[in-house]
N, C-alpha and C. Protein backbone atom coordinates (compact mmCIF):
# COMPACT_ATOMS: atom_id res chain seq x y z
N HIS A 1 -1.09 14.03 -23.22
CA HIS A 1 -0.16 13.01 -23.64
C HIS A 1 1.27 13.53 -23.71
N ILE A 2 1.40 14.78 -24.14
CA ILE A 2 2.75 15.33 -24.27
C ILE A 2 3.40 15.47 -22.89
N LEU A 3 2.60 15.83 -21.89
CA LEU A 3 3.16 15.96 -20.54
C LEU A 3 3.62 14.59 -20.02
N HIS A 4 2.88 13.55 -20.33
CA HIS A 4 3.31 12.20 -19.93
C HIS A 4 4.66 11.87 -20.57
N ARG A 5 4.79 12.21 -21.84
CA ARG A 5 6.07 11.95 -22.53
C ARG A 5 7.20 12.74 -21.89
N MET A 6 6.90 13.99 -21.53
CA MET A 6 7.93 14.81 -20.88
C MET A 6 8.35 14.18 -19.55
N GLY A 7 7.37 13.71 -18.79
CA GLY A 7 7.67 13.04 -17.52
C GLY A 7 8.50 11.79 -17.73
N ASP A 8 8.13 11.01 -18.75
CA ASP A 8 8.89 9.79 -19.06
C ASP A 8 10.33 10.12 -19.44
N ILE A 9 10.51 11.19 -20.20
CA ILE A 9 11.87 11.62 -20.59
C ILE A 9 12.65 12.03 -19.35
N ASP A 10 12.01 12.79 -18.46
CA ASP A 10 12.68 13.20 -17.22
C ASP A 10 13.13 11.98 -16.42
N VAL A 11 12.27 10.98 -16.33
CA VAL A 11 12.62 9.76 -15.60
C VAL A 11 13.79 9.06 -16.28
N SER A 12 13.74 8.96 -17.61
CA SER A 12 14.83 8.27 -18.32
C SER A 12 16.16 9.00 -18.16
N ARG A 13 16.10 10.31 -17.95
CA ARG A 13 17.32 11.09 -17.71
C ARG A 13 17.70 11.09 -16.23
N LEU A 14 16.90 10.40 -15.44
CA LEU A 14 17.07 10.34 -13.98
C LEU A 14 16.92 11.71 -13.32
N ASP A 15 16.17 12.60 -13.98
CA ASP A 15 15.84 13.89 -13.38
C ASP A 15 14.50 13.71 -12.67
N LEU A 16 14.57 13.00 -11.54
CA LEU A 16 13.35 12.58 -10.85
C LEU A 16 12.57 13.75 -10.28
N ARG A 17 13.26 14.78 -9.81
CA ARG A 17 12.56 15.96 -9.26
C ARG A 17 11.75 16.66 -10.36
N GLN A 18 12.34 16.80 -11.53
CA GLN A 18 11.61 17.42 -12.64
C GLN A 18 10.44 16.53 -13.06
N ALA A 19 10.66 15.23 -13.07
CA ALA A 19 9.57 14.30 -13.40
C ALA A 19 8.43 14.47 -12.40
N MET A 20 8.78 14.63 -11.13
CA MET A 20 7.74 14.86 -10.09
C MET A 20 6.92 16.10 -10.44
N ARG A 21 7.61 17.18 -10.78
CA ARG A 21 6.90 18.42 -11.11
C ARG A 21 5.98 18.22 -12.32
N THR A 22 6.46 17.50 -13.31
CA THR A 22 5.66 17.26 -14.51
C THR A 22 4.41 16.45 -14.18
N TYR A 23 4.58 15.36 -13.43
CA TYR A 23 3.43 14.52 -13.09
C TYR A 23 2.48 15.23 -12.13
N GLU A 24 3.01 16.08 -11.26
CA GLU A 24 2.13 16.88 -10.39
C GLU A 24 1.30 17.85 -11.23
N GLN A 25 1.90 18.39 -12.28
CA GLN A 25 1.17 19.28 -13.18
C GLN A 25 0.04 18.51 -13.88
N ILE A 26 0.33 17.29 -14.31
CA ILE A 26 -0.70 16.46 -14.95
C ILE A 26 -1.83 16.20 -13.96
N ARG A 27 -1.47 15.87 -12.71
CA ARG A 27 -2.49 15.58 -11.70
C ARG A 27 -3.36 16.81 -11.44
N LYS A 28 -2.75 18.00 -11.46
CA LYS A 28 -3.55 19.22 -11.26
C LYS A 28 -4.53 19.43 -12.41
N LEU A 29 -4.11 19.07 -13.61
CA LEU A 29 -4.99 19.21 -14.78
C LEU A 29 -6.09 18.15 -14.80
N ASP A 30 -5.77 16.96 -14.32
CA ASP A 30 -6.72 15.84 -14.31
C ASP A 30 -6.48 14.98 -13.07
N ALA A 31 -7.25 15.24 -12.03
CA ALA A 31 -7.06 14.55 -10.75
C ALA A 31 -7.30 13.04 -10.87
N ASP A 32 -8.00 12.61 -11.91
CA ASP A 32 -8.30 11.18 -12.08
C ASP A 32 -7.27 10.46 -12.96
N ASP A 33 -6.21 11.13 -13.35
CA ASP A 33 -5.19 10.52 -14.22
C ASP A 33 -4.38 9.51 -13.41
N ASP A 34 -4.75 8.23 -13.54
CA ASP A 34 -4.09 7.23 -12.71
C ASP A 34 -2.65 6.98 -13.13
N ARG A 35 -2.33 7.16 -14.40
CA ARG A 35 -0.94 6.97 -14.82
C ARG A 35 -0.02 7.99 -14.14
N ALA A 36 -0.47 9.24 -14.08
CA ALA A 36 0.34 10.28 -13.42
C ALA A 36 0.45 9.98 -11.93
N ARG A 37 -0.65 9.59 -11.32
CA ARG A 37 -0.61 9.31 -9.88
C ARG A 37 0.29 8.12 -9.56
N LEU A 38 0.21 7.06 -10.37
CA LEU A 38 1.09 5.91 -10.14
C LEU A 38 2.55 6.28 -10.35
N SER A 39 2.80 7.14 -11.31
CA SER A 39 4.18 7.62 -11.52
C SER A 39 4.65 8.40 -10.31
N LEU A 40 3.77 9.21 -9.73
CA LEU A 40 4.13 9.98 -8.53
C LEU A 40 4.40 9.05 -7.35
N VAL A 41 3.61 7.99 -7.23
CA VAL A 41 3.85 7.01 -6.16
C VAL A 41 5.25 6.43 -6.33
N ASP A 42 5.55 5.98 -7.53
CA ASP A 42 6.85 5.37 -7.81
C ASP A 42 7.99 6.35 -7.57
N LEU A 43 7.83 7.57 -8.06
CA LEU A 43 8.90 8.57 -7.89
C LEU A 43 9.14 8.88 -6.42
N ASN A 44 8.07 8.97 -5.65
CA ASN A 44 8.25 9.23 -4.22
C ASN A 44 9.01 8.10 -3.54
N TYR A 45 8.70 6.87 -3.91
CA TYR A 45 9.47 5.75 -3.35
C TYR A 45 10.93 5.83 -3.79
N ARG A 46 11.14 6.12 -5.06
CA ARG A 46 12.52 6.20 -5.56
C ARG A 46 13.30 7.33 -4.90
N LEU A 47 12.60 8.39 -4.51
CA LEU A 47 13.24 9.51 -3.83
C LEU A 47 13.25 9.31 -2.31
N ASN A 48 12.96 8.09 -1.89
CA ASN A 48 13.00 7.71 -0.47
C ASN A 48 12.04 8.55 0.38
N ASP A 49 10.83 8.74 -0.14
CA ASP A 49 9.80 9.47 0.58
C ASP A 49 8.52 8.62 0.60
N PRO A 50 8.55 7.53 1.41
CA PRO A 50 7.39 6.63 1.41
C PRO A 50 6.11 7.29 1.94
N ILE A 51 6.23 8.28 2.81
CA ILE A 51 5.03 8.94 3.34
C ILE A 51 4.29 9.66 2.21
N SER A 52 5.03 10.39 1.38
CA SER A 52 4.40 11.06 0.24
C SER A 52 3.88 10.04 -0.78
N ALA A 53 4.60 8.93 -0.93
CA ALA A 53 4.15 7.89 -1.85
C ALA A 53 2.79 7.35 -1.41
N ILE A 54 2.66 7.08 -0.12
CA ILE A 54 1.40 6.55 0.40
C ILE A 54 0.29 7.60 0.29
N ARG A 55 0.62 8.85 0.55
CA ARG A 55 -0.38 9.92 0.42
C ARG A 55 -0.90 9.98 -1.02
N GLU A 56 0.02 9.88 -1.97
CA GLU A 56 -0.36 9.90 -3.38
C GLU A 56 -1.19 8.67 -3.73
N LEU A 57 -0.77 7.52 -3.23
CA LEU A 57 -1.51 6.28 -3.47
C LEU A 57 -2.92 6.38 -2.90
N ASP A 58 -3.04 6.92 -1.69
CA ASP A 58 -4.37 7.07 -1.09
C ASP A 58 -5.27 7.94 -1.96
N GLY A 59 -4.70 8.99 -2.56
CA GLY A 59 -5.47 9.83 -3.47
C GLY A 59 -5.97 9.03 -4.66
N LEU A 60 -5.12 8.19 -5.21
CA LEU A 60 -5.51 7.36 -6.34
C LEU A 60 -6.58 6.35 -5.92
N LEU A 61 -6.42 5.75 -4.76
CA LEU A 61 -7.41 4.78 -4.29
C LEU A 61 -8.77 5.44 -4.08
N ARG A 62 -8.77 6.70 -3.63
CA ARG A 62 -10.04 7.44 -3.49
C ARG A 62 -10.70 7.63 -4.86
N VAL A 63 -9.89 7.91 -5.88
CA VAL A 63 -10.43 8.05 -7.24
C VAL A 63 -11.11 6.74 -7.65
N TYR A 64 -10.42 5.63 -7.44
CA TYR A 64 -10.99 4.33 -7.80
C TYR A 64 -12.24 4.03 -6.97
N ALA A 65 -12.24 4.40 -5.71
CA ALA A 65 -13.41 4.16 -4.86
C ALA A 65 -14.61 4.95 -5.37
N ARG A 66 -14.39 6.21 -5.75
CA ARG A 66 -15.48 7.03 -6.32
C ARG A 66 -16.03 6.40 -7.60
N GLN A 67 -15.15 5.74 -8.34
CA GLN A 67 -15.55 5.10 -9.60
C GLN A 67 -16.07 3.67 -9.37
N HIS A 68 -16.15 3.25 -8.11
CA HIS A 68 -16.61 1.90 -7.74
C HIS A 68 -15.77 0.83 -8.44
N ARG A 69 -14.45 0.99 -8.39
CA ARG A 69 -13.53 0.07 -9.05
C ARG A 69 -12.70 -0.68 -8.01
N ALA A 70 -13.37 -1.49 -7.21
CA ALA A 70 -12.68 -2.26 -6.17
C ALA A 70 -11.62 -3.17 -6.78
N ASP A 71 -11.90 -3.71 -7.96
CA ASP A 71 -10.93 -4.58 -8.62
C ASP A 71 -9.62 -3.85 -8.89
N ARG A 72 -9.73 -2.61 -9.30
CA ARG A 72 -8.52 -1.82 -9.59
C ARG A 72 -7.79 -1.45 -8.30
N ILE A 73 -8.53 -1.18 -7.23
CA ILE A 73 -7.91 -0.90 -5.93
C ILE A 73 -7.05 -2.09 -5.52
N ILE A 74 -7.63 -3.28 -5.60
CA ILE A 74 -6.90 -4.50 -5.22
C ILE A 74 -5.69 -4.70 -6.12
N GLN A 75 -5.88 -4.55 -7.42
CA GLN A 75 -4.78 -4.76 -8.37
C GLN A 75 -3.61 -3.82 -8.09
N VAL A 76 -3.90 -2.54 -7.90
CA VAL A 76 -2.84 -1.56 -7.65
C VAL A 76 -2.13 -1.87 -6.33
N LEU A 77 -2.90 -2.16 -5.29
CA LEU A 77 -2.28 -2.47 -4.00
C LEU A 77 -1.42 -3.74 -4.09
N GLU A 78 -1.91 -4.76 -4.79
CA GLU A 78 -1.12 -5.98 -4.94
C GLU A 78 0.18 -5.69 -5.68
N GLU A 79 0.10 -4.88 -6.73
CA GLU A 79 1.32 -4.51 -7.47
C GLU A 79 2.30 -3.76 -6.58
N GLN A 80 1.79 -2.84 -5.79
CA GLN A 80 2.66 -2.04 -4.93
C GLN A 80 3.30 -2.91 -3.84
N VAL A 81 2.53 -3.84 -3.27
CA VAL A 81 3.08 -4.74 -2.25
C VAL A 81 4.16 -5.63 -2.87
N THR A 82 3.96 -6.04 -4.11
CA THR A 82 4.98 -6.84 -4.80
C THR A 82 6.25 -6.01 -4.99
N ARG A 83 6.09 -4.75 -5.35
CA ARG A 83 7.26 -3.88 -5.57
C ARG A 83 7.94 -3.49 -4.27
N TYR A 84 7.15 -3.26 -3.23
CA TYR A 84 7.68 -2.78 -1.94
C TYR A 84 7.16 -3.68 -0.81
N PRO A 85 7.64 -4.92 -0.75
CA PRO A 85 7.08 -5.90 0.19
C PRO A 85 7.29 -5.56 1.66
N LYS A 86 8.22 -4.68 1.97
CA LYS A 86 8.47 -4.35 3.38
C LYS A 86 7.75 -3.09 3.83
N ASP A 87 6.91 -2.53 2.96
CA ASP A 87 6.17 -1.32 3.32
C ASP A 87 4.92 -1.71 4.11
N MET A 88 4.94 -1.39 5.39
CA MET A 88 3.85 -1.79 6.28
C MET A 88 2.54 -1.10 5.92
N ALA A 89 2.61 0.15 5.50
CA ALA A 89 1.39 0.88 5.15
C ALA A 89 0.68 0.23 3.97
N LEU A 90 1.44 -0.24 3.00
CA LEU A 90 0.84 -0.92 1.85
C LEU A 90 0.16 -2.21 2.27
N ARG A 91 0.86 -3.00 3.07
CA ARG A 91 0.28 -4.28 3.51
C ARG A 91 -0.98 -4.05 4.34
N SER A 92 -0.96 -3.04 5.18
CA SER A 92 -2.12 -2.72 6.00
C SER A 92 -3.32 -2.35 5.12
N ARG A 93 -3.09 -1.54 4.10
CA ARG A 93 -4.17 -1.14 3.21
C ARG A 93 -4.71 -2.34 2.42
N LEU A 94 -3.81 -3.18 1.93
CA LEU A 94 -4.25 -4.35 1.17
C LEU A 94 -5.05 -5.30 2.05
N ALA A 95 -4.60 -5.50 3.28
CA ALA A 95 -5.34 -6.35 4.22
C ALA A 95 -6.74 -5.79 4.47
N ALA A 96 -6.83 -4.47 4.63
CA ALA A 96 -8.13 -3.84 4.89
C ALA A 96 -9.08 -4.04 3.71
N VAL A 97 -8.56 -3.91 2.50
CA VAL A 97 -9.41 -4.11 1.32
C VAL A 97 -9.85 -5.56 1.22
N TYR A 98 -8.94 -6.48 1.50
CA TYR A 98 -9.33 -7.90 1.49
C TYR A 98 -10.40 -8.17 2.54
N ARG A 99 -10.27 -7.57 3.72
CA ARG A 99 -11.31 -7.75 4.76
C ARG A 99 -12.64 -7.21 4.26
N GLN A 100 -12.61 -6.02 3.66
CA GLN A 100 -13.85 -5.39 3.19
C GLN A 100 -14.52 -6.21 2.08
N THR A 101 -13.72 -6.95 1.33
CA THR A 101 -14.28 -7.76 0.24
C THR A 101 -14.46 -9.22 0.66
N ASN A 102 -14.37 -9.46 1.96
CA ASN A 102 -14.59 -10.79 2.56
C ASN A 102 -13.62 -11.86 2.04
N ASN A 103 -12.43 -11.46 1.70
CA ASN A 103 -11.40 -12.41 1.29
C ASN A 103 -10.51 -12.66 2.51
N VAL A 104 -11.03 -13.47 3.42
CA VAL A 104 -10.41 -13.67 4.73
C VAL A 104 -9.01 -14.26 4.61
N SER A 105 -8.83 -15.27 3.76
CA SER A 105 -7.52 -15.92 3.68
C SER A 105 -6.44 -14.95 3.21
N ARG A 106 -6.77 -14.10 2.24
CA ARG A 106 -5.77 -13.14 1.76
C ARG A 106 -5.55 -12.03 2.78
N ALA A 107 -6.61 -11.64 3.50
CA ALA A 107 -6.45 -10.64 4.56
C ALA A 107 -5.50 -11.17 5.62
N VAL A 108 -5.70 -12.42 6.02
CA VAL A 108 -4.84 -13.04 7.03
C VAL A 108 -3.40 -13.11 6.52
N GLU A 109 -3.23 -13.46 5.27
CA GLU A 109 -1.89 -13.54 4.67
C GLU A 109 -1.17 -12.18 4.78
N GLN A 110 -1.87 -11.11 4.45
CA GLN A 110 -1.26 -9.77 4.52
C GLN A 110 -1.03 -9.34 5.96
N LEU A 111 -2.00 -9.61 6.83
CA LEU A 111 -1.84 -9.24 8.24
C LEU A 111 -0.70 -10.02 8.88
N ASP A 112 -0.56 -11.28 8.51
CA ASP A 112 0.54 -12.10 9.03
C ASP A 112 1.88 -11.50 8.61
N ALA A 113 2.00 -11.14 7.34
CA ALA A 113 3.24 -10.52 6.84
C ALA A 113 3.48 -9.18 7.53
N LEU A 114 2.41 -8.42 7.76
CA LEU A 114 2.52 -7.14 8.44
C LEU A 114 3.01 -7.33 9.87
N ALA A 115 2.43 -8.29 10.58
CA ALA A 115 2.84 -8.56 11.97
C ALA A 115 4.31 -8.96 12.02
N GLU A 116 4.73 -9.75 11.06
CA GLU A 116 6.14 -10.16 11.00
C GLU A 116 7.06 -8.95 10.80
N LEU A 117 6.67 -8.06 9.88
CA LEU A 117 7.46 -6.84 9.66
C LEU A 117 7.50 -5.99 10.93
N GLN A 118 6.36 -5.89 11.60
CA GLN A 118 6.30 -5.10 12.83
C GLN A 118 7.19 -5.70 13.90
N LEU A 119 7.16 -7.02 14.06
CA LEU A 119 8.02 -7.67 15.05
C LEU A 119 9.49 -7.48 14.70
N ASP A 120 9.82 -7.63 13.42
CA ASP A 120 11.21 -7.44 12.98
C ASP A 120 11.69 -6.01 13.24
N SER A 121 10.75 -5.06 13.25
CA SER A 121 11.10 -3.66 13.48
C SER A 121 10.99 -3.26 14.95
N GLY A 122 10.68 -4.23 15.82
CA GLY A 122 10.56 -3.93 17.24
C GLY A 122 9.25 -3.26 17.62
N LEU A 123 8.28 -3.29 16.74
CA LEU A 123 6.98 -2.66 17.00
C LEU A 123 6.02 -3.69 17.61
N HIS A 124 6.34 -4.13 18.82
CA HIS A 124 5.60 -5.23 19.44
C HIS A 124 4.14 -4.87 19.72
N ASN A 125 3.87 -3.65 20.16
CA ASN A 125 2.48 -3.26 20.42
C ASN A 125 1.67 -3.26 19.13
N ASP A 126 2.26 -2.73 18.06
CA ASP A 126 1.57 -2.73 16.77
C ASP A 126 1.32 -4.16 16.30
N ALA A 127 2.31 -5.02 16.50
CA ALA A 127 2.16 -6.43 16.10
C ALA A 127 1.02 -7.08 16.87
N GLN A 128 0.89 -6.76 18.15
CA GLN A 128 -0.21 -7.33 18.94
C GLN A 128 -1.56 -6.89 18.38
N VAL A 129 -1.67 -5.62 18.01
CA VAL A 129 -2.91 -5.11 17.41
C VAL A 129 -3.21 -5.86 16.11
N THR A 130 -2.19 -6.05 15.31
CA THR A 130 -2.35 -6.76 14.03
C THR A 130 -2.76 -8.20 14.27
N ILE A 131 -2.14 -8.86 15.22
CA ILE A 131 -2.48 -10.27 15.50
C ILE A 131 -3.90 -10.37 16.04
N ARG A 132 -4.33 -9.39 16.82
CA ARG A 132 -5.73 -9.38 17.29
C ARG A 132 -6.69 -9.28 16.10
N GLN A 133 -6.30 -8.50 15.09
CA GLN A 133 -7.13 -8.41 13.88
C GLN A 133 -7.22 -9.77 13.19
N ILE A 134 -6.11 -10.49 13.17
CA ILE A 134 -6.12 -11.83 12.58
C ILE A 134 -7.05 -12.74 13.38
N VAL A 135 -6.93 -12.72 14.69
CA VAL A 135 -7.77 -13.56 15.56
C VAL A 135 -9.25 -13.24 15.32
N ALA A 136 -9.57 -11.96 15.15
CA ALA A 136 -10.96 -11.56 14.92
C ALA A 136 -11.51 -12.14 13.62
N LEU A 137 -10.63 -12.43 12.68
CA LEU A 137 -11.07 -13.03 11.41
C LEU A 137 -11.29 -14.54 11.54
N ASN A 138 -10.85 -15.11 12.66
CA ASN A 138 -11.05 -16.52 12.98
C ASN A 138 -10.58 -17.47 11.85
N PRO A 139 -9.31 -17.34 11.46
CA PRO A 139 -8.80 -18.24 10.43
C PRO A 139 -8.63 -19.65 10.98
N PRO A 140 -8.41 -20.65 10.13
CA PRO A 140 -8.25 -22.04 10.59
C PRO A 140 -7.15 -22.19 11.65
N GLN A 141 -6.08 -21.43 11.56
CA GLN A 141 -4.95 -21.53 12.49
C GLN A 141 -5.05 -20.49 13.62
N VAL A 142 -6.28 -20.14 14.00
CA VAL A 142 -6.49 -19.09 15.00
C VAL A 142 -5.80 -19.40 16.32
N ASP A 143 -5.73 -20.67 16.71
CA ASP A 143 -5.08 -21.03 17.98
C ASP A 143 -3.60 -20.68 17.98
N ASP A 144 -2.94 -20.82 16.83
CA ASP A 144 -1.53 -20.43 16.74
C ASP A 144 -1.36 -18.93 16.98
N TYR A 145 -2.27 -18.15 16.42
CA TYR A 145 -2.20 -16.70 16.61
C TYR A 145 -2.51 -16.31 18.05
N LYS A 146 -3.46 -17.01 18.66
CA LYS A 146 -3.76 -16.74 20.07
C LYS A 146 -2.56 -17.05 20.94
N ARG A 147 -1.88 -18.14 20.64
CA ARG A 147 -0.69 -18.53 21.39
C ARG A 147 0.41 -17.46 21.22
N LEU A 148 0.61 -17.00 20.01
CA LEU A 148 1.60 -15.96 19.75
C LEU A 148 1.24 -14.68 20.50
N LEU A 149 -0.03 -14.36 20.52
CA LEU A 149 -0.48 -13.17 21.24
C LEU A 149 -0.19 -13.28 22.73
N ARG A 150 -0.42 -14.47 23.30
CA ARG A 150 -0.10 -14.68 24.72
C ARG A 150 1.39 -14.53 24.97
N GLN A 151 2.21 -15.06 24.07
CA GLN A 151 3.67 -14.95 24.22
C GLN A 151 4.11 -13.49 24.18
N LEU A 152 3.52 -12.71 23.29
CA LEU A 152 3.89 -11.30 23.18
C LEU A 152 3.38 -10.49 24.35
N SER A 153 2.24 -10.89 24.90
CA SER A 153 1.64 -10.15 26.02
C SER A 153 2.33 -10.49 27.33
N GLY A 154 2.84 -11.70 27.43
CA GLY A 154 3.41 -12.16 28.70
C GLY A 154 4.82 -11.87 28.83
């Protein structure tokens, strides 16, 4: 608990690098400490290191998976997507979890947002792969996605 307080103090002082070291120390002592891991995710984003943020998040999601806490996986991913709506890796992970839990409408919603981000970033091939994933889920508006796929392919 004292290390968490130290990390919180570091964050409040905007000493984000020191906060990172403190939360990494907590994680080494207790790999299942989700508060420390979520703090590390946030700090990595704040330090403009989304790759490390996602790596840390993946570690936390593995902890939840080992504990059979699919509800917590979804909750954390939804929170992260709300905080960082333009992060393609987050949307991709959330869509995958929705697919695995047979929540087709929410998977399509995330994949649609992901495809839009990919198109906005000029990642047309990635967007085509994402749209194919949507088509495979056969949502009610599947014909619209097929039409978009033809436009992107042609």
